[in-house]
Amino acid sequence: MDSSKLVWCERNAGRAGMLGMAISLVSTVPERVWYVKAKGYKPWLNPKPQDTKDNDEGGHTIWYNEPDLLQVVKPLLSLQPVTS
């Protein structure tokens, strides 16, 4: 996801004068996540060995490097806590 879109989504959690909350969980290590391009296909329900391979190997996973993504997003965020 484009970092500017991620920041926009988090900043717009509360809309129209309503209180909102955005929670982001960030892994400290790269992790393999499901990334399925086939509409309606849910390999996580009954994964086959081929399903767990990377997309470029014909599978349905990608490596998601959240520590790197966090470094891109951090400068765009105000890291000050929100008070009410």
N, C-alpha and C. Protein backbone atom coordinates (compact mmCIF):
# COMPACT_ATOMS: atom_id res chain seq x y z
N MET A 1 0.85 -1.19 0.00
CA MET A 1 0.00 0.00 0.00
C MET A 1 0.88 1.23 0.00
N ASP A 2 0.49 2.21 -0.76
CA ASP A 2 1.18 3.48 -0.81
C ASP A 2 1.12 4.13 0.58
N SER A 3 2.27 4.60 1.08
CA SER A 3 2.33 5.14 2.44
C SER A 3 1.41 6.34 2.63
N SER A 4 1.23 7.17 1.61
CA SER A 4 0.34 8.34 1.77
C SER A 4 -1.11 7.90 1.94
N LYS A 5 -1.51 6.80 1.28
CA LYS A 5 -2.87 6.28 1.45
C LYS A 5 -3.05 5.71 2.84
N LEU A 6 -2.02 5.04 3.37
CA LEU A 6 -2.10 4.48 4.72
C LEU A 6 -2.30 5.59 5.73
N VAL A 7 -1.53 6.66 5.61
CA VAL A 7 -1.67 7.79 6.53
C VAL A 7 -3.04 8.41 6.39
N TRP A 8 -3.54 8.57 5.17
CA TRP A 8 -4.87 9.14 4.95
C TRP A 8 -5.93 8.29 5.64
N CYS A 9 -5.84 6.97 5.51
CA CYS A 9 -6.83 6.08 6.13
C CYS A 9 -6.81 6.22 7.64
N GLU A 10 -5.63 6.30 8.23
CA GLU A 10 -5.55 6.40 9.68
C GLU A 10 -6.04 7.75 10.17
N ARG A 11 -5.75 8.79 9.45
CA ARG A 11 -6.19 10.12 9.88
C ARG A 11 -7.69 10.31 9.70
N ASN A 12 -8.32 9.54 8.85
CA ASN A 12 -9.75 9.68 8.60
C ASN A 12 -10.57 8.60 9.30
N ALA A 13 -10.04 8.02 10.37
CA ALA A 13 -10.79 7.00 11.12
C ALA A 13 -12.03 7.62 11.76
N GLY A 14 -11.92 8.83 12.28
CA GLY A 14 -13.07 9.52 12.84
C GLY A 14 -13.55 10.56 11.84
N ARG A 15 -14.83 10.50 11.49
CA ARG A 15 -15.32 11.40 10.45
C ARG A 15 -16.60 12.08 10.91
N ALA A 16 -16.90 13.18 10.27
CA ALA A 16 -18.14 13.93 10.50
C ALA A 16 -18.34 14.25 11.98
N GLY A 17 -17.26 14.65 12.65
CA GLY A 17 -17.37 15.04 14.04
C GLY A 17 -17.48 13.88 15.01
N MET A 18 -17.39 12.66 14.52
CA MET A 18 -17.51 11.48 15.37
C MET A 18 -16.12 11.00 15.80
N LEU A 19 -16.04 10.41 16.97
CA LEU A 19 -14.80 9.84 17.45
C LEU A 19 -14.48 8.59 16.64
N GLY A 20 -13.25 8.42 16.27
CA GLY A 20 -12.83 7.23 15.52
C GLY A 20 -11.53 6.71 16.06
N MET A 21 -11.24 5.46 15.72
CA MET A 21 -10.00 4.86 16.18
C MET A 21 -9.38 4.05 15.04
N ALA A 22 -8.09 4.19 14.87
CA ALA A 22 -7.35 3.37 13.90
C ALA A 22 -6.28 2.61 14.67
N ILE A 23 -6.24 1.33 14.46
CA ILE A 23 -5.23 0.50 15.12
C ILE A 23 -4.37 -0.15 14.05
N SER A 24 -3.08 0.03 14.16
CA SER A 24 -2.15 -0.59 13.23
C SER A 24 -1.22 -1.50 14.01
N LEU A 25 -1.16 -2.74 13.60
CA LEU A 25 -0.23 -3.69 14.21
C LEU A 25 0.95 -3.85 13.26
N VAL A 26 2.14 -3.67 13.79
CA VAL A 26 3.33 -3.72 12.96
C VAL A 26 4.25 -4.81 13.49
N SER A 27 4.62 -5.72 12.61
CA SER A 27 5.55 -6.78 12.97
C SER A 27 6.96 -6.23 13.00
N THR A 28 7.81 -6.81 13.81
CA THR A 28 9.20 -6.38 13.88
C THR A 28 10.08 -7.14 12.89
N VAL A 29 9.49 -8.12 12.22
CA VAL A 29 10.24 -8.92 11.24
C VAL A 29 9.40 -9.06 9.97
N PRO A 30 10.03 -9.25 8.82
CA PRO A 30 9.25 -9.52 7.60
C PRO A 30 8.44 -10.80 7.78
N GLU A 31 7.23 -10.83 7.23
CA GLU A 31 6.40 -12.02 7.36
C GLU A 31 5.70 -12.32 6.05
N ARG A 32 5.40 -13.60 5.86
CA ARG A 32 4.68 -14.03 4.66
C ARG A 32 3.19 -13.88 4.93
N VAL A 33 2.49 -13.25 4.01
CA VAL A 33 1.05 -13.05 4.16
C VAL A 33 0.34 -13.52 2.90
N TRP A 34 -0.94 -13.85 3.05
CA TRP A 34 -1.74 -14.25 1.90
C TRP A 34 -1.94 -13.05 0.99
N TYR A 35 -1.81 -13.27 -0.31
CA TYR A 35 -2.05 -12.24 -1.31
C TYR A 35 -2.65 -12.96 -2.52
N VAL A 36 -3.96 -13.04 -2.54
CA VAL A 36 -4.66 -13.84 -3.54
C VAL A 36 -5.23 -12.93 -4.62
N LYS A 37 -4.87 -13.20 -5.86
CA LYS A 37 -5.36 -12.41 -6.98
C LYS A 37 -6.63 -13.00 -7.58
N ALA A 38 -6.91 -14.26 -7.29
CA ALA A 38 -8.08 -14.94 -7.86
C ALA A 38 -9.31 -14.59 -7.02
N LYS A 39 -10.26 -13.89 -7.62
CA LYS A 39 -11.46 -13.45 -6.92
C LYS A 39 -12.22 -14.65 -6.33
N GLY A 40 -12.52 -14.58 -5.05
CA GLY A 40 -13.32 -15.61 -4.38
C GLY A 40 -12.53 -16.80 -3.88
N TYR A 41 -11.26 -16.93 -4.27
CA TYR A 41 -10.46 -18.07 -3.83
C TYR A 41 -9.90 -17.79 -2.44
N LYS A 42 -10.07 -18.71 -1.50
CA LYS A 42 -9.64 -18.53 -0.11
C LYS A 42 -8.75 -19.70 0.31
N PRO A 43 -7.48 -19.69 -0.12
CA PRO A 43 -6.62 -20.84 0.16
C PRO A 43 -6.33 -21.05 1.64
N TRP A 44 -6.50 -20.05 2.47
CA TRP A 44 -6.23 -20.19 3.89
C TRP A 44 -7.22 -21.12 4.57
N LEU A 45 -8.36 -21.38 3.94
CA LEU A 45 -9.34 -22.30 4.52
C LEU A 45 -8.90 -23.76 4.43
N ASN A 46 -8.18 -24.11 3.37
CA ASN A 46 -7.67 -25.46 3.18
C ASN A 46 -6.42 -25.38 2.30
N PRO A 47 -5.32 -24.85 2.86
CA PRO A 47 -4.15 -24.58 2.02
C PRO A 47 -3.49 -25.85 1.47
N LYS A 48 -3.15 -25.77 0.21
CA LYS A 48 -2.38 -26.82 -0.45
C LYS A 48 -0.93 -26.34 -0.50
N PRO A 49 0.04 -27.25 -0.63
CA PRO A 49 1.44 -26.83 -0.66
C PRO A 49 1.71 -25.75 -1.72
N GLN A 50 1.08 -25.84 -2.87
CA GLN A 50 1.29 -24.84 -3.93
C GLN A 50 0.78 -23.46 -3.50
N ASP A 51 -0.31 -23.41 -2.72
CA ASP A 51 -0.90 -22.14 -2.30
C ASP A 51 0.06 -21.31 -1.45
N THR A 52 0.91 -21.97 -0.66
CA THR A 52 1.77 -21.25 0.27
C THR A 52 3.06 -20.73 -0.37
N LYS A 53 3.25 -20.98 -1.65
CA LYS A 53 4.41 -20.43 -2.36
C LYS A 53 4.17 -18.95 -2.67
N ASP A 54 5.27 -18.25 -2.97
CA ASP A 54 5.17 -16.84 -3.36
C ASP A 54 4.36 -16.70 -4.65
N ASN A 55 3.78 -15.51 -4.85
CA ASN A 55 3.03 -15.22 -6.08
C ASN A 55 3.85 -15.47 -7.33
N ASP A 56 5.11 -15.07 -7.30
CA ASP A 56 5.95 -15.24 -8.50
C ASP A 56 6.32 -16.69 -8.76
N GLU A 57 5.98 -17.59 -7.83
CA GLU A 57 6.19 -19.04 -8.01
C GLU A 57 4.87 -19.76 -8.24
N GLY A 58 3.80 -19.00 -8.48
CA GLY A 58 2.50 -19.59 -8.73
C GLY A 58 1.64 -19.79 -7.49
N GLY A 59 2.10 -19.30 -6.35
CA GLY A 59 1.34 -19.44 -5.11
C GLY A 59 0.51 -18.21 -4.80
N HIS A 60 0.13 -18.08 -3.55
CA HIS A 60 -0.76 -16.99 -3.14
C HIS A 60 -0.25 -16.26 -1.90
N THR A 61 1.07 -16.07 -1.81
CA THR A 61 1.64 -15.34 -0.69
C THR A 61 2.67 -14.33 -1.18
N ILE A 62 2.91 -13.32 -0.34
CA ILE A 62 3.98 -12.36 -0.57
C ILE A 62 4.70 -12.14 0.75
N TRP A 63 5.91 -11.65 0.68
CA TRP A 63 6.62 -11.23 1.88
C TRP A 63 6.28 -9.77 2.13
N TYR A 64 5.85 -9.47 3.34
CA TYR A 64 5.44 -8.13 3.73
C TYR A 64 6.46 -7.63 4.74
N ASN A 65 7.22 -6.63 4.38
CA ASN A 65 8.28 -6.13 5.24
C ASN A 65 7.79 -4.89 5.99
N GLU A 66 7.10 -5.11 7.10
CA GLU A 66 6.52 -4.00 7.85
C GLU A 66 7.55 -3.07 8.47
N PRO A 67 8.71 -3.55 8.94
CA PRO A 67 9.69 -2.59 9.45
C PRO A 67 10.11 -1.57 8.40
N ASP A 68 10.29 -2.02 7.15
CA ASP A 68 10.64 -1.07 6.08
C ASP A 68 9.49 -0.12 5.79
N LEU A 69 8.27 -0.64 5.75
CA LEU A 69 7.10 0.22 5.50
C LEU A 69 6.93 1.26 6.60
N LEU A 70 7.18 0.85 7.84
CA LEU A 70 7.05 1.78 8.96
C LEU A 70 8.03 2.94 8.82
N GLN A 71 9.24 2.65 8.35
CA GLN A 71 10.23 3.72 8.17
C GLN A 71 9.78 4.72 7.11
N VAL A 72 9.04 4.27 6.12
CA VAL A 72 8.52 5.16 5.08
C VAL A 72 7.37 6.01 5.63
N VAL A 73 6.54 5.43 6.48
CA VAL A 73 5.34 6.10 6.99
C VAL A 73 5.66 7.05 8.14
N LYS A 74 6.62 6.70 8.98
CA LYS A 74 6.90 7.49 10.18
C LYS A 74 7.02 9.00 9.93
N PRO A 75 7.75 9.44 8.91
CA PRO A 75 7.86 10.89 8.70
C PRO A 75 6.53 11.55 8.36
N LEU A 76 5.56 10.78 7.91
CA LEU A 76 4.27 11.35 7.52
C LEU A 76 3.29 11.45 8.69
N LEU A 77 3.63 10.82 9.80
CA LEU A 77 2.73 10.78 10.95
C LEU A 77 3.13 11.78 12.01
N SER A 78 2.16 12.27 12.71
CA SER A 78 2.41 13.03 13.92
C SER A 78 2.43 12.00 15.04
N LEU A 79 3.55 11.83 15.69
CA LEU A 79 3.68 10.78 16.70
C LEU A 79 3.25 11.24 18.08
N GLN A 80 2.55 12.39 18.15
CA GLN A 80 2.07 12.88 19.44
C GLN A 80 0.74 12.20 19.74
N PRO A 81 0.53 11.77 21.00
CA PRO A 81 -0.74 11.11 21.34
C PRO A 81 -1.93 12.07 21.25
N VAL A 82 -3.06 11.51 20.88
CA VAL A 82 -4.31 12.28 20.79
C VAL A 82 -4.94 12.33 22.18
N THR A 83 -5.31 13.50 22.64
CA THR A 83 -5.96 13.64 23.94
C THR A 83 -7.37 14.17 23.73
N SER A 84 -8.26 13.81 24.65
CA SER A 84 -9.64 14.29 24.50
C SER A 84 -9.97 15.31 25.56
